[in-house]
Structures are given as structure tokens and as C-alpha cells.
Amino acid sequence: MDYRTVAVVAAAIVAVMVAGSAWAVVALPADALVPIHFGIDGKPDAWARPLFGLFVLPAVATGVLILFIVLARSADGGLARSGVAFRTVMLAVIGLLAATHAVMIAIALGHEFNVTRIVILLAGLLLIVTGNVLGKVRPNHWLGIRTTWTLADVQVWDQTHRFAGWLFVIAGALLAIAAVLNPGGGVLAAILLFIVAVVTIAPFAKSYLLWRDRQHI
């Protein structure tokens, strides 16, 4: 899909989120409270009135969509040449927010879900999707592994992003599997923290090592 089509689809998803929130607010009693935060065990630990709690994620999705649109309109150089990756990440992020929001509405209406497991599963899928297009991102200051060393050398950028792409896919798959198997709150939290640390630190370190090799240090 071209950018215009993706933007329309993303805007339609956000509109459905807003409509879903409006419907749920009308359906719930005026004095109802809806969960807005969950512990690692998946149980709610903070609540708010529906008019606030059910519109937080649509508001976040709207902000994310506006940011993507602004970036797309002002894109030049590497970002402009990263169209497929940019559009894929845009839809994936909006889709994750929408799926999480749908679960939140269902819970507000009385259904029971382990939100933490669902969110971790969705985060794993987001990593897999992102990893599959990361190698197509061209050097830019907005999207990708933007370190001093990747921005200084195109070859370092390319090799770092190919490495990070595989890393994201593997990490995402492990995260999704952990969410499905549900080894327990503490273990799941440890797995999540470990994977976040790896996908954050490893590409950074890899970019430096590649740059150092290129400089023959």
C-alpha cells in the first residue's frame, strides 16, 4: 500500500477506537470505574472514570498518528527512501494500540483477560514485524538504530540494521512464546526485562564494534 492508503487505514483504525470508547461510555453506568493499569500478574491496580479511562489509548493513538503524518510530510533523504519500513511500522504501532484498546473495552464491560500477557504478546508481534523491515530503513535521524556510529557510516548503518532485524525477530518470537506459555508473573517480568535490555543494548554495541573495525582501531 502507498502512504496515502496506509494513512487512511490508520486514521480509520483510530476513528474506530474513538467510536468504541464512546459506545462503551454510554453502555456503562455513570458511576462505573474502569481499570487503566495492570500489574505483571495481569490484575488491575488502578482505575478511572470511563470518560477518562476509555479515551486514553485513542488519544495516544491520535498523537502517534499525527506524529507519523508530520514526519511523512517533512521526510527527506533517508526517511523518504524508507517508505515500506515507515508505513509498516506506522500501521503496526497503531494496530498494537487498537488491539490493546479493544481488550480494555472488553474488560470494562465485564470480560476477563490477562492484559499483561496480551500486551506482551502484542509487543512480541510488533518486534517481529519491525525486525522484518528494519533492514530496509535508510540512514536518517528519526527511524532505526540511530547511534553516532551508524549515522557516521552508511555501511555500519546497513550492517547494524541487518543484525538488529534478526535480533528483533528472534526476541519478538521469544516474547510471544513466553506470553503464550505464561511461566508466571515473576518469570515473565524477568524475561521481558531481559529481552528489552538485549534489543536495546546489543544493536548499540554492535554499531560501535562495526565502526571500530571500519576505523581499524
N, C-alpha and C. Protein backbone atom coordinates (compact mmCIF):
# COMPACT_ATOMS: atom_id res chain seq x y z
N MET A 1 0.84 -1.20 0.00
CA MET A 1 0.00 0.00 0.00
C MET A 1 0.87 1.25 0.00
N ASP A 2 0.42 2.29 -0.72
CA ASP A 2 1.16 3.54 -0.71
C ASP A 2 0.87 4.30 0.59
N TYR A 3 1.61 5.40 0.80
CA TYR A 3 1.50 6.12 2.06
C TYR A 3 0.08 6.64 2.30
N ARG A 4 -0.55 7.21 1.26
CA ARG A 4 -1.88 7.78 1.44
C ARG A 4 -2.88 6.71 1.91
N THR A 5 -2.80 5.53 1.31
CA THR A 5 -3.71 4.45 1.70
C THR A 5 -3.46 4.02 3.15
N VAL A 6 -2.18 3.89 3.50
CA VAL A 6 -1.83 3.50 4.87
C VAL A 6 -2.32 4.54 5.87
N ALA A 7 -2.16 5.82 5.53
CA ALA A 7 -2.61 6.89 6.43
C ALA A 7 -4.12 6.84 6.62
N VAL A 8 -4.86 6.57 5.54
CA VAL A 8 -6.32 6.48 5.63
C VAL A 8 -6.72 5.28 6.50
N VAL A 9 -6.05 4.14 6.30
CA VAL A 9 -6.35 2.95 7.10
C VAL A 9 -6.05 3.22 8.58
N ALA A 10 -4.90 3.84 8.87
CA ALA A 10 -4.53 4.15 10.25
C ALA A 10 -5.54 5.11 10.87
N ALA A 11 -5.96 6.13 10.11
CA ALA A 11 -6.95 7.08 10.62
C ALA A 11 -8.28 6.39 10.89
N ALA A 12 -8.65 5.45 10.02
CA ALA A 12 -9.90 4.70 10.21
C ALA A 12 -9.83 3.86 11.48
N ILE A 13 -8.67 3.26 11.74
CA ILE A 13 -8.50 2.46 12.97
C ILE A 13 -8.67 3.34 14.20
N VAL A 14 -8.05 4.52 14.18
CA VAL A 14 -8.17 5.45 15.30
C VAL A 14 -9.63 5.88 15.48
N ALA A 15 -10.33 6.12 14.37
CA ALA A 15 -11.74 6.52 14.44
C ALA A 15 -12.58 5.41 15.07
N VAL A 16 -12.29 4.16 14.74
CA VAL A 16 -13.00 3.03 15.33
C VAL A 16 -12.71 2.96 16.83
N MET A 17 -11.48 3.25 17.23
CA MET A 17 -11.14 3.28 18.65
C MET A 17 -11.98 4.33 19.39
N VAL A 18 -12.08 5.51 18.81
CA VAL A 18 -12.87 6.59 19.43
C VAL A 18 -14.34 6.18 19.51
N ALA A 19 -14.86 5.61 18.42
CA ALA A 19 -16.26 5.19 18.40
C ALA A 19 -16.51 4.09 19.43
N GLY A 20 -15.57 3.16 19.56
CA GLY A 20 -15.70 2.09 20.54
C GLY A 20 -15.73 2.63 21.95
N SER A 21 -14.89 3.62 22.23
CA SER A 21 -14.88 4.25 23.55
C SER A 21 -16.20 4.95 23.84
N ALA A 22 -16.71 5.68 22.85
CA ALA A 22 -17.97 6.40 23.03
C ALA A 22 -19.11 5.42 23.31
N TRP A 23 -19.13 4.33 22.58
CA TRP A 23 -20.18 3.31 22.79
C TRP A 23 -20.07 2.71 24.18
N ALA A 24 -18.83 2.40 24.63
CA ALA A 24 -18.65 1.79 25.94
C ALA A 24 -19.03 2.76 27.06
N VAL A 25 -18.72 4.04 26.91
CA VAL A 25 -19.07 5.04 27.92
C VAL A 25 -20.58 5.10 28.09
N VAL A 26 -21.31 5.05 26.97
CA VAL A 26 -22.78 5.09 27.03
C VAL A 26 -23.32 3.81 27.66
N ALA A 27 -22.68 2.68 27.37
CA ALA A 27 -23.17 1.39 27.86
C ALA A 27 -22.92 1.18 29.35
N LEU A 28 -21.89 1.83 29.89
CA LEU A 28 -21.53 1.64 31.29
C LEU A 28 -22.34 2.55 32.21
N PRO A 29 -22.56 2.15 33.44
CA PRO A 29 -23.24 3.03 34.41
C PRO A 29 -22.43 4.30 34.64
N ALA A 30 -23.11 5.36 35.00
CA ALA A 30 -22.44 6.66 35.17
C ALA A 30 -21.39 6.63 36.25
N ASP A 31 -21.56 5.80 37.27
CA ASP A 31 -20.61 5.75 38.38
C ASP A 31 -19.59 4.61 38.24
N ALA A 32 -19.49 4.02 37.05
CA ALA A 32 -18.58 2.89 36.83
C ALA A 32 -17.13 3.34 36.88
N LEU A 33 -16.25 2.41 37.24
CA LEU A 33 -14.82 2.62 37.17
C LEU A 33 -14.22 1.58 36.23
N VAL A 34 -13.26 1.99 35.44
CA VAL A 34 -12.63 1.06 34.50
C VAL A 34 -11.14 0.97 34.84
N PRO A 35 -10.55 -0.23 34.71
CA PRO A 35 -9.12 -0.37 35.01
C PRO A 35 -8.26 0.34 33.96
N ILE A 36 -7.22 1.02 34.41
CA ILE A 36 -6.33 1.74 33.49
C ILE A 36 -4.88 1.30 33.64
N HIS A 37 -4.61 0.43 34.60
CA HIS A 37 -3.25 -0.07 34.76
C HIS A 37 -3.31 -1.47 35.34
N PHE A 38 -2.34 -2.31 34.94
CA PHE A 38 -2.34 -3.70 35.37
C PHE A 38 -0.95 -4.10 35.84
N GLY A 39 -0.90 -4.96 36.85
CA GLY A 39 0.37 -5.48 37.34
C GLY A 39 0.89 -6.58 36.44
N ILE A 40 2.08 -7.08 36.75
CA ILE A 40 2.68 -8.13 35.93
C ILE A 40 1.86 -9.41 35.97
N ASP A 41 1.01 -9.56 37.02
CA ASP A 41 0.14 -10.73 37.10
C ASP A 41 -1.13 -10.57 36.27
N GLY A 42 -1.27 -9.42 35.62
CA GLY A 42 -2.43 -9.20 34.77
C GLY A 42 -3.64 -8.64 35.47
N LYS A 43 -3.54 -8.42 36.77
CA LYS A 43 -4.68 -7.92 37.55
C LYS A 43 -4.64 -6.39 37.61
N PRO A 44 -5.80 -5.73 37.51
CA PRO A 44 -5.82 -4.26 37.56
C PRO A 44 -5.40 -3.72 38.92
N ASP A 45 -4.67 -2.61 38.92
CA ASP A 45 -4.26 -1.99 40.18
C ASP A 45 -4.50 -0.48 40.19
N ALA A 46 -5.20 0.02 39.16
CA ALA A 46 -5.58 1.44 39.14
C ALA A 46 -6.83 1.57 38.28
N TRP A 47 -7.73 2.47 38.68
CA TRP A 47 -9.00 2.63 37.99
C TRP A 47 -9.28 4.12 37.72
N ALA A 48 -10.20 4.37 36.78
CA ALA A 48 -10.60 5.75 36.48
C ALA A 48 -12.02 5.74 35.93
N ARG A 49 -12.62 6.91 35.87
CA ARG A 49 -13.94 7.04 35.27
C ARG A 49 -13.86 6.71 33.78
N PRO A 50 -14.92 6.12 33.21
CA PRO A 50 -14.89 5.72 31.81
C PRO A 50 -14.53 6.85 30.84
N LEU A 51 -15.03 8.07 31.12
CA LEU A 51 -14.79 9.18 30.19
C LEU A 51 -13.30 9.47 30.05
N PHE A 52 -12.54 9.16 31.10
CA PHE A 52 -11.08 9.33 31.01
C PHE A 52 -10.40 8.02 30.61
N GLY A 53 -10.71 6.97 31.35
CA GLY A 53 -10.01 5.71 31.16
C GLY A 53 -10.14 5.12 29.77
N LEU A 54 -11.30 5.28 29.14
CA LEU A 54 -11.53 4.67 27.83
C LEU A 54 -11.09 5.54 26.66
N PHE A 55 -10.63 6.75 26.95
CA PHE A 55 -10.18 7.62 25.86
C PHE A 55 -8.68 7.89 25.90
N VAL A 56 -7.99 7.28 26.86
CA VAL A 56 -6.53 7.48 26.93
C VAL A 56 -5.83 6.90 25.70
N LEU A 57 -6.10 5.63 25.39
CA LEU A 57 -5.43 5.00 24.26
C LEU A 57 -5.83 5.62 22.92
N PRO A 58 -7.11 5.97 22.70
CA PRO A 58 -7.43 6.69 21.46
C PRO A 58 -6.67 8.01 21.35
N ALA A 59 -6.49 8.70 22.48
CA ALA A 59 -5.74 9.96 22.48
C ALA A 59 -4.27 9.70 22.13
N VAL A 60 -3.70 8.65 22.71
CA VAL A 60 -2.31 8.29 22.40
C VAL A 60 -2.18 7.92 20.92
N ALA A 61 -3.13 7.11 20.42
CA ALA A 61 -3.09 6.70 19.01
C ALA A 61 -3.22 7.90 18.08
N THR A 62 -4.06 8.86 18.46
CA THR A 62 -4.20 10.07 17.65
C THR A 62 -2.88 10.84 17.61
N GLY A 63 -2.22 10.97 18.77
CA GLY A 63 -0.94 11.65 18.82
C GLY A 63 0.12 10.95 17.98
N VAL A 64 0.15 9.62 18.07
CA VAL A 64 1.12 8.84 17.28
C VAL A 64 0.84 9.01 15.78
N LEU A 65 -0.44 8.97 15.40
CA LEU A 65 -0.80 9.14 14.00
C LEU A 65 -0.38 10.52 13.48
N ILE A 66 -0.64 11.55 14.27
CA ILE A 66 -0.25 12.91 13.86
C ILE A 66 1.27 12.99 13.69
N LEU A 67 2.00 12.38 14.62
CA LEU A 67 3.46 12.38 14.53
C LEU A 67 3.93 11.71 13.25
N PHE A 68 3.36 10.55 12.94
CA PHE A 68 3.74 9.85 11.72
C PHE A 68 3.43 10.69 10.48
N ILE A 69 2.27 11.34 10.47
CA ILE A 69 1.89 12.16 9.33
C ILE A 69 2.84 13.34 9.16
N VAL A 70 3.17 13.99 10.28
CA VAL A 70 4.11 15.13 10.22
C VAL A 70 5.47 14.67 9.70
N LEU A 71 5.94 13.53 10.20
CA LEU A 71 7.23 13.01 9.75
C LEU A 71 7.20 12.66 8.26
N ALA A 72 6.09 12.05 7.83
CA ALA A 72 5.98 11.66 6.42
C ALA A 72 5.96 12.88 5.51
N ARG A 73 5.26 13.94 5.93
CA ARG A 73 5.16 15.14 5.10
C ARG A 73 6.48 15.90 5.03
N SER A 74 7.28 15.81 6.08
CA SER A 74 8.55 16.53 6.11
C SER A 74 9.74 15.64 5.77
N ALA A 75 9.45 14.38 5.44
CA ALA A 75 10.53 13.41 5.21
C ALA A 75 11.37 13.80 3.99
N ASP A 76 12.64 13.67 4.14
CA ASP A 76 13.55 13.82 3.01
C ASP A 76 14.73 12.87 3.23
N GLY A 77 15.57 12.74 2.25
CA GLY A 77 16.75 11.89 2.39
C GLY A 77 16.40 10.46 2.73
N GLY A 78 17.08 9.94 3.78
CA GLY A 78 16.92 8.53 4.15
C GLY A 78 15.53 8.16 4.56
N LEU A 79 14.84 9.02 5.29
CA LEU A 79 13.48 8.69 5.74
C LEU A 79 12.54 8.56 4.54
N ALA A 80 12.70 9.45 3.58
CA ALA A 80 11.86 9.39 2.37
C ALA A 80 12.10 8.10 1.59
N ARG A 81 13.32 7.56 1.69
CA ARG A 81 13.64 6.31 0.99
C ARG A 81 13.37 5.07 1.84
N SER A 82 12.76 5.28 3.00
CA SER A 82 12.43 4.17 3.90
C SER A 82 10.93 3.92 3.92
N GLY A 83 10.28 4.18 2.80
CA GLY A 83 8.82 4.18 2.74
C GLY A 83 8.15 2.91 3.23
N VAL A 84 8.62 1.75 2.76
CA VAL A 84 7.99 0.49 3.14
C VAL A 84 8.11 0.26 4.64
N ALA A 85 9.31 0.47 5.18
CA ALA A 85 9.52 0.28 6.62
C ALA A 85 8.70 1.28 7.43
N PHE A 86 8.70 2.53 6.98
CA PHE A 86 7.97 3.58 7.69
C PHE A 86 6.48 3.27 7.75
N ARG A 87 5.91 2.89 6.63
CA ARG A 87 4.47 2.59 6.59
C ARG A 87 4.14 1.35 7.40
N THR A 88 5.02 0.35 7.35
CA THR A 88 4.78 -0.88 8.11
C THR A 88 4.79 -0.62 9.61
N VAL A 89 5.79 0.13 10.07
CA VAL A 89 5.89 0.45 11.50
C VAL A 89 4.69 1.30 11.93
N MET A 90 4.29 2.22 11.08
CA MET A 90 3.15 3.08 11.38
C MET A 90 1.89 2.25 11.63
N LEU A 91 1.59 1.34 10.72
CA LEU A 91 0.40 0.51 10.88
C LEU A 91 0.54 -0.45 12.06
N ALA A 92 1.74 -0.98 12.28
CA ALA A 92 1.95 -1.93 13.37
C ALA A 92 1.74 -1.27 14.73
N VAL A 93 2.26 -0.06 14.89
CA VAL A 93 2.11 0.64 16.17
C VAL A 93 0.64 0.99 16.42
N ILE A 94 -0.03 1.53 15.40
CA ILE A 94 -1.45 1.87 15.54
C ILE A 94 -2.27 0.59 15.80
N GLY A 95 -1.91 -0.48 15.13
CA GLY A 95 -2.62 -1.74 15.32
C GLY A 95 -2.45 -2.28 16.73
N LEU A 96 -1.24 -2.17 17.28
CA LEU A 96 -1.00 -2.62 18.66
C LEU A 96 -1.85 -1.81 19.64
N LEU A 97 -1.89 -0.50 19.47
CA LEU A 97 -2.70 0.34 20.35
C LEU A 97 -4.18 -0.01 20.24
N ALA A 98 -4.63 -0.26 19.00
CA ALA A 98 -6.04 -0.58 18.80
C ALA A 98 -6.41 -1.93 19.43
N ALA A 99 -5.53 -2.91 19.28
CA ALA A 99 -5.80 -4.22 19.86
C ALA A 99 -5.84 -4.14 21.39
N THR A 100 -4.89 -3.41 21.96
CA THR A 100 -4.88 -3.22 23.42
C THR A 100 -6.14 -2.51 23.88
N HIS A 101 -6.56 -1.52 23.09
CA HIS A 101 -7.76 -0.76 23.44
C HIS A 101 -9.01 -1.64 23.40
N ALA A 102 -9.08 -2.51 22.42
CA ALA A 102 -10.23 -3.42 22.32
C ALA A 102 -10.31 -4.31 23.56
N VAL A 103 -9.17 -4.78 24.03
CA VAL A 103 -9.13 -5.60 25.25
C VAL A 103 -9.58 -4.78 26.46
N MET A 104 -9.13 -3.53 26.53
CA MET A 104 -9.52 -2.65 27.64
C MET A 104 -11.03 -2.43 27.68
N ILE A 105 -11.64 -2.24 26.51
CA ILE A 105 -13.09 -2.06 26.44
C ILE A 105 -13.80 -3.33 26.90
N ALA A 106 -13.31 -4.48 26.43
CA ALA A 106 -13.92 -5.75 26.82
C ALA A 106 -13.87 -5.94 28.33
N ILE A 107 -12.74 -5.60 28.94
CA ILE A 107 -12.60 -5.73 30.39
C ILE A 107 -13.54 -4.77 31.12
N ALA A 108 -13.63 -3.54 30.59
CA ALA A 108 -14.53 -2.55 31.20
C ALA A 108 -15.98 -3.04 31.19
N LEU A 109 -16.32 -3.84 30.18
CA LEU A 109 -17.69 -4.35 30.05
C LEU A 109 -17.91 -5.66 30.79
N GLY A 110 -16.89 -6.10 31.53
CA GLY A 110 -17.08 -7.27 32.39
C GLY A 110 -16.40 -8.55 31.96
N HIS A 111 -15.71 -8.55 30.84
CA HIS A 111 -14.99 -9.75 30.41
C HIS A 111 -13.65 -9.83 31.13
N GLU A 112 -13.12 -11.03 31.27
CA GLU A 112 -11.87 -11.23 31.99
C GLU A 112 -10.75 -11.65 31.05
N PHE A 113 -9.65 -10.91 31.11
CA PHE A 113 -8.46 -11.22 30.32
C PHE A 113 -7.23 -10.92 31.17
N ASN A 114 -6.15 -11.61 30.86
CA ASN A 114 -4.86 -11.25 31.45
C ASN A 114 -4.21 -10.23 30.52
N VAL A 115 -4.42 -8.97 30.83
CA VAL A 115 -3.99 -7.89 29.94
C VAL A 115 -2.47 -7.89 29.77
N THR A 116 -1.74 -8.16 30.83
CA THR A 116 -0.29 -8.14 30.75
C THR A 116 0.22 -9.15 29.73
N ARG A 117 -0.32 -10.35 29.76
CA ARG A 117 0.09 -11.36 28.78
C ARG A 117 -0.26 -10.93 27.37
N ILE A 118 -1.43 -10.36 27.19
CA ILE A 118 -1.84 -9.93 25.86
C ILE A 118 -0.94 -8.82 25.34
N VAL A 119 -0.63 -7.84 26.21
CA VAL A 119 0.23 -6.74 25.79
C VAL A 119 1.64 -7.23 25.45
N ILE A 120 2.16 -8.17 26.25
CA ILE A 120 3.48 -8.73 25.97
C ILE A 120 3.47 -9.51 24.65
N LEU A 121 2.39 -10.25 24.41
CA LEU A 121 2.25 -10.96 23.13
C LEU A 121 2.23 -9.97 21.97
N LEU A 122 1.46 -8.89 22.10
CA LEU A 122 1.39 -7.89 21.04
C LEU A 122 2.74 -7.20 20.84
N ALA A 123 3.46 -6.96 21.95
CA ALA A 123 4.79 -6.35 21.83
C ALA A 123 5.74 -7.28 21.09
N GLY A 124 5.61 -8.57 21.35
CA GLY A 124 6.44 -9.54 20.62
C GLY A 124 6.14 -9.52 19.14
N LEU A 125 4.87 -9.47 18.79
CA LEU A 125 4.49 -9.41 17.37
C LEU A 125 4.99 -8.11 16.73
N LEU A 126 4.94 -7.01 17.49
CA LEU A 126 5.45 -5.73 16.97
C LEU A 126 6.95 -5.83 16.68
N LEU A 127 7.69 -6.48 17.58
CA LEU A 127 9.13 -6.66 17.34
C LEU A 127 9.38 -7.50 16.09
N ILE A 128 8.58 -8.54 15.89
CA ILE A 128 8.75 -9.39 14.71
C ILE A 128 8.49 -8.60 13.43
N VAL A 129 7.40 -7.84 13.42
CA VAL A 129 7.06 -7.03 12.24
C VAL A 129 8.15 -5.99 11.98
N THR A 130 8.57 -5.31 13.03
CA THR A 130 9.60 -4.28 12.88
C THR A 130 10.91 -4.88 12.41
N GLY A 131 11.28 -6.02 12.98
CA GLY A 131 12.52 -6.67 12.58
C GLY A 131 12.54 -7.05 11.12
N ASN A 132 11.39 -7.42 10.58
CA ASN A 132 11.32 -7.83 9.17
C ASN A 132 11.54 -6.68 8.20
N VAL A 133 11.35 -5.44 8.65
CA VAL A 133 11.53 -4.30 7.74
C VAL A 133 12.70 -3.41 8.14
N LEU A 134 13.36 -3.74 9.25
CA LEU A 134 14.42 -2.87 9.76
C LEU A 134 15.57 -2.73 8.78
N GLY A 135 15.86 -3.79 8.06
CA GLY A 135 16.95 -3.73 7.08
C GLY A 135 16.67 -2.82 5.90
N LYS A 136 15.41 -2.41 5.73
CA LYS A 136 15.04 -1.53 4.62
C LYS A 136 15.10 -0.04 5.00
N VAL A 137 15.39 0.23 6.26
CA VAL A 137 15.46 1.62 6.70
C VAL A 137 16.77 2.23 6.25
N ARG A 138 16.70 3.38 5.59
CA ARG A 138 17.89 4.07 5.14
C ARG A 138 18.33 5.09 6.20
N PRO A 139 19.59 5.49 6.19
CA PRO A 139 20.09 6.40 7.23
C PRO A 139 19.24 7.67 7.37
N ASN A 140 18.79 7.92 8.59
CA ASN A 140 18.01 9.11 8.89
C ASN A 140 18.06 9.36 10.39
N HIS A 141 17.51 10.48 10.83
CA HIS A 141 17.59 10.84 12.24
C HIS A 141 16.30 10.53 13.02
N TRP A 142 15.35 9.80 12.42
CA TRP A 142 14.06 9.57 13.07
C TRP A 142 13.73 8.11 13.29
N LEU A 143 14.08 7.25 12.36
CA LEU A 143 13.64 5.85 12.39
C LEU A 143 14.85 4.93 12.28
N GLY A 144 14.92 3.96 13.19
CA GLY A 144 16.01 2.99 13.11
C GLY A 144 16.96 3.07 14.29
N ILE A 145 18.12 2.41 14.16
CA ILE A 145 19.15 2.40 15.19
C ILE A 145 20.05 3.60 14.95
N ARG A 146 19.73 4.70 15.61
CA ARG A 146 20.40 5.98 15.34
C ARG A 146 21.47 6.23 16.40
N THR A 147 22.67 5.73 16.14
CA THR A 147 23.79 5.99 17.03
C THR A 147 24.80 6.88 16.30
N THR A 148 25.76 7.38 17.04
CA THR A 148 26.81 8.21 16.44
C THR A 148 27.50 7.46 15.31
N TRP A 149 27.66 6.15 15.49
CA TRP A 149 28.44 5.36 14.54
C TRP A 149 27.63 4.95 13.31
N THR A 150 26.34 4.65 13.48
CA THR A 150 25.53 4.31 12.29
C THR A 150 25.31 5.55 11.43
N LEU A 151 25.14 6.70 12.06
CA LEU A 151 24.91 7.93 11.30
C LEU A 151 26.17 8.44 10.63
N ALA A 152 27.32 7.96 11.10
CA ALA A 152 28.59 8.42 10.52
C ALA A 152 29.04 7.57 9.35
N ASP A 153 28.46 6.37 9.18
CA ASP A 153 28.96 5.44 8.15
C ASP A 153 27.79 4.61 7.62
N VAL A 154 27.52 4.72 6.34
CA VAL A 154 26.39 4.01 5.74
C VAL A 154 26.55 2.50 5.87
N GLN A 155 27.76 2.00 5.72
CA GLN A 155 27.97 0.55 5.82
C GLN A 155 27.69 0.07 7.24
N VAL A 156 28.11 0.85 8.22
CA VAL A 156 27.83 0.50 9.62
C VAL A 156 26.32 0.52 9.85
N TRP A 157 25.63 1.50 9.28
CA TRP A 157 24.17 1.56 9.39
C TRP A 157 23.53 0.30 8.83
N ASP A 158 23.93 -0.08 7.61
CA ASP A 158 23.33 -1.24 6.95
C ASP A 158 23.58 -2.52 7.74
N GLN A 159 24.81 -2.75 8.16
CA GLN A 159 25.13 -3.98 8.87
C GLN A 159 24.46 -4.03 10.25
N THR A 160 24.41 -2.89 10.91
CA THR A 160 23.75 -2.83 12.22
C THR A 160 22.28 -3.15 12.09
N HIS A 161 21.63 -2.62 11.06
CA HIS A 161 20.19 -2.84 10.90
C HIS A 161 19.87 -4.26 10.44
N ARG A 162 20.75 -4.86 9.68
CA ARG A 162 20.53 -6.28 9.34
C ARG A 162 20.65 -7.14 10.60
N PHE A 163 21.65 -6.84 11.41
CA PHE A 163 21.82 -7.56 12.68
C PHE A 163 20.61 -7.33 13.60
N ALA A 164 20.20 -6.08 13.75
CA ALA A 164 19.09 -5.74 14.63
C ALA A 164 17.78 -6.34 14.12
N GLY A 165 17.63 -6.44 12.80
CA GLY A 165 16.42 -7.03 12.24
C GLY A 165 16.24 -8.47 12.70
N TRP A 166 17.30 -9.27 12.57
CA TRP A 166 17.24 -10.66 13.04
C TRP A 166 17.04 -10.72 14.54
N LEU A 167 17.72 -9.84 15.26
CA LEU A 167 17.61 -9.82 16.72
C LEU A 167 16.17 -9.51 17.15
N PHE A 168 15.54 -8.53 16.50
CA PHE A 168 14.17 -8.16 16.82
C PHE A 168 13.21 -9.32 16.56
N VAL A 169 13.40 -10.01 15.45
CA VAL A 169 12.51 -11.12 15.10
C VAL A 169 12.63 -12.25 16.14
N ILE A 170 13.88 -12.60 16.49
CA ILE A 170 14.09 -13.67 17.47
C ILE A 170 13.55 -13.25 18.84
N ALA A 171 13.86 -12.01 19.25
CA ALA A 171 13.39 -11.51 20.55
C ALA A 171 11.86 -11.46 20.58
N GLY A 172 11.25 -11.01 19.49
CA GLY A 172 9.80 -10.94 19.43
C GLY A 172 9.16 -12.31 19.52
N ALA A 173 9.76 -13.30 18.84
CA ALA A 173 9.24 -14.66 18.89
C ALA A 173 9.33 -15.22 20.31
N LEU A 174 10.47 -15.00 20.97
CA LEU A 174 10.64 -15.47 22.35
C LEU A 174 9.64 -14.80 23.28
N LEU A 175 9.42 -13.50 23.07
CA LEU A 175 8.48 -12.76 23.91
C LEU A 175 7.05 -13.29 23.72
N ALA A 176 6.68 -13.53 22.47
CA ALA A 176 5.35 -14.05 22.19
C ALA A 176 5.16 -15.45 22.78
N ILE A 177 6.17 -16.29 22.65
CA ILE A 177 6.10 -17.63 23.21
C ILE A 177 5.96 -17.58 24.72
N ALA A 178 6.73 -16.70 25.36
CA ALA A 178 6.67 -16.56 26.82
C ALA A 178 5.28 -16.11 27.25
N ALA A 179 4.68 -15.18 26.49
CA ALA A 179 3.34 -14.70 26.83
C ALA A 179 2.31 -15.82 26.70
N VAL A 180 2.46 -16.66 25.69
CA VAL A 180 1.51 -17.77 25.49
C VAL A 180 1.69 -18.84 26.57
N LEU A 181 2.94 -19.19 26.88
CA LEU A 181 3.21 -20.24 27.87
C LEU A 181 2.93 -19.77 29.30
N ASN A 182 3.06 -18.44 29.53
CA ASN A 182 2.78 -17.85 30.84
C ASN A 182 3.51 -18.58 31.98
N PRO A 183 4.83 -18.40 32.07
CA PRO A 183 5.60 -19.11 33.10
C PRO A 183 5.40 -18.57 34.52
N GLY A 184 4.59 -17.52 34.65
CA GLY A 184 4.36 -16.92 35.97
C GLY A 184 4.79 -15.47 35.97
N GLY A 185 4.13 -14.66 36.80
CA GLY A 185 4.37 -13.22 36.77
C GLY A 185 5.83 -12.81 36.91
N GLY A 186 6.53 -13.38 37.94
CA GLY A 186 7.91 -13.01 38.17
C GLY A 186 8.82 -13.43 37.03
N VAL A 187 8.65 -14.65 36.54
CA VAL A 187 9.47 -15.15 35.43
C VAL A 187 9.18 -14.37 34.16
N LEU A 188 7.91 -14.08 33.91
CA LEU A 188 7.52 -13.33 32.72
C LEU A 188 8.12 -11.93 32.76
N ALA A 189 8.12 -11.31 33.93
CA ALA A 189 8.71 -9.98 34.09
C ALA A 189 10.21 -10.03 33.82
N ALA A 190 10.88 -11.07 34.32
CA ALA A 190 12.32 -11.21 34.11
C ALA A 190 12.64 -11.40 32.63
N ILE A 191 11.83 -12.22 31.95
CA ILE A 191 12.02 -12.43 30.51
C ILE A 191 11.84 -11.13 29.75
N LEU A 192 10.80 -10.39 30.10
CA LEU A 192 10.52 -9.11 29.45
C LEU A 192 11.68 -8.14 29.64
N LEU A 193 12.16 -8.00 30.86
CA LEU A 193 13.26 -7.07 31.14
C LEU A 193 14.53 -7.49 30.41
N PHE A 194 14.80 -8.81 30.37
CA PHE A 194 15.99 -9.30 29.68
C PHE A 194 15.92 -9.00 28.19
N ILE A 195 14.77 -9.26 27.57
CA ILE A 195 14.63 -9.04 26.14
C ILE A 195 14.72 -7.55 25.81
N VAL A 196 14.09 -6.71 26.63
CA VAL A 196 14.18 -5.26 26.41
C VAL A 196 15.64 -4.80 26.49
N ALA A 197 16.38 -5.32 27.46
CA ALA A 197 17.79 -4.96 27.61
C ALA A 197 18.60 -5.40 26.40
N VAL A 198 18.35 -6.61 25.92
CA VAL A 198 19.11 -7.14 24.79
C VAL A 198 18.86 -6.33 23.51
N VAL A 199 17.58 -6.08 23.20
CA VAL A 199 17.28 -5.37 21.95
C VAL A 199 17.66 -3.90 22.02
N THR A 200 17.87 -3.39 23.23
CA THR A 200 18.31 -2.01 23.39
C THR A 200 19.82 -1.88 23.33
N ILE A 201 20.51 -2.77 24.05
CA ILE A 201 21.97 -2.65 24.19
C ILE A 201 22.73 -3.28 23.03
N ALA A 202 22.29 -4.47 22.59
CA ALA A 202 23.04 -5.21 21.57
C ALA A 202 23.23 -4.43 20.26
N PRO A 203 22.18 -3.82 19.67
CA PRO A 203 22.40 -3.05 18.44
C PRO A 203 23.33 -1.85 18.65
N PHE A 204 23.22 -1.20 19.82
CA PHE A 204 24.10 -0.08 20.15
C PHE A 204 25.56 -0.54 20.16
N ALA A 205 25.81 -1.65 20.87
CA ALA A 205 27.17 -2.18 20.96
C ALA A 205 27.66 -2.66 19.60
N LYS A 206 26.77 -3.31 18.84
CA LYS A 206 27.15 -3.80 17.51
C LYS A 206 27.56 -2.65 16.59
N SER A 207 26.84 -1.55 16.65
CA SER A 207 27.19 -0.42 15.79
C SER A 207 28.57 0.13 16.13
N TYR A 208 28.91 0.15 17.41
CA TYR A 208 30.24 0.64 17.80
C TYR A 208 31.32 -0.32 17.32
N LEU A 209 31.11 -1.63 17.52
CA LEU A 209 32.11 -2.61 17.10
C LEU A 209 32.33 -2.57 15.59
N LEU A 210 31.25 -2.43 14.83
CA LEU A 210 31.37 -2.33 13.38
C LEU A 210 32.14 -1.07 12.98
N TRP A 211 31.81 0.03 13.62
CA TRP A 211 32.51 1.29 13.33
C TRP A 211 33.98 1.19 13.69
N ARG A 212 34.27 0.57 14.84
CA ARG A 212 35.67 0.42 15.27
C ARG A 212 36.46 -0.42 14.27
N ASP A 213 35.83 -1.48 13.77
CA ASP A 213 36.51 -2.31 12.76
C ASP A 213 36.77 -1.53 11.49
N ARG A 214 35.80 -0.68 11.12
CA ARG A 214 35.95 0.13 9.91
C ARG A 214 37.07 1.16 10.08
N GLN A 215 37.28 1.60 11.32
CA GLN A 215 38.33 2.59 11.58
C GLN A 215 39.68 1.92 11.86
N HIS A 216 39.67 0.59 11.92
CA HIS A 216 40.88 -0.19 12.20
C HIS A 216 41.49 0.20 13.54
N ILE A 217 40.61 0.42 14.52
CA ILE A 217 41.10 0.77 15.86
C ILE A 217 41.49 -0.49 16.62
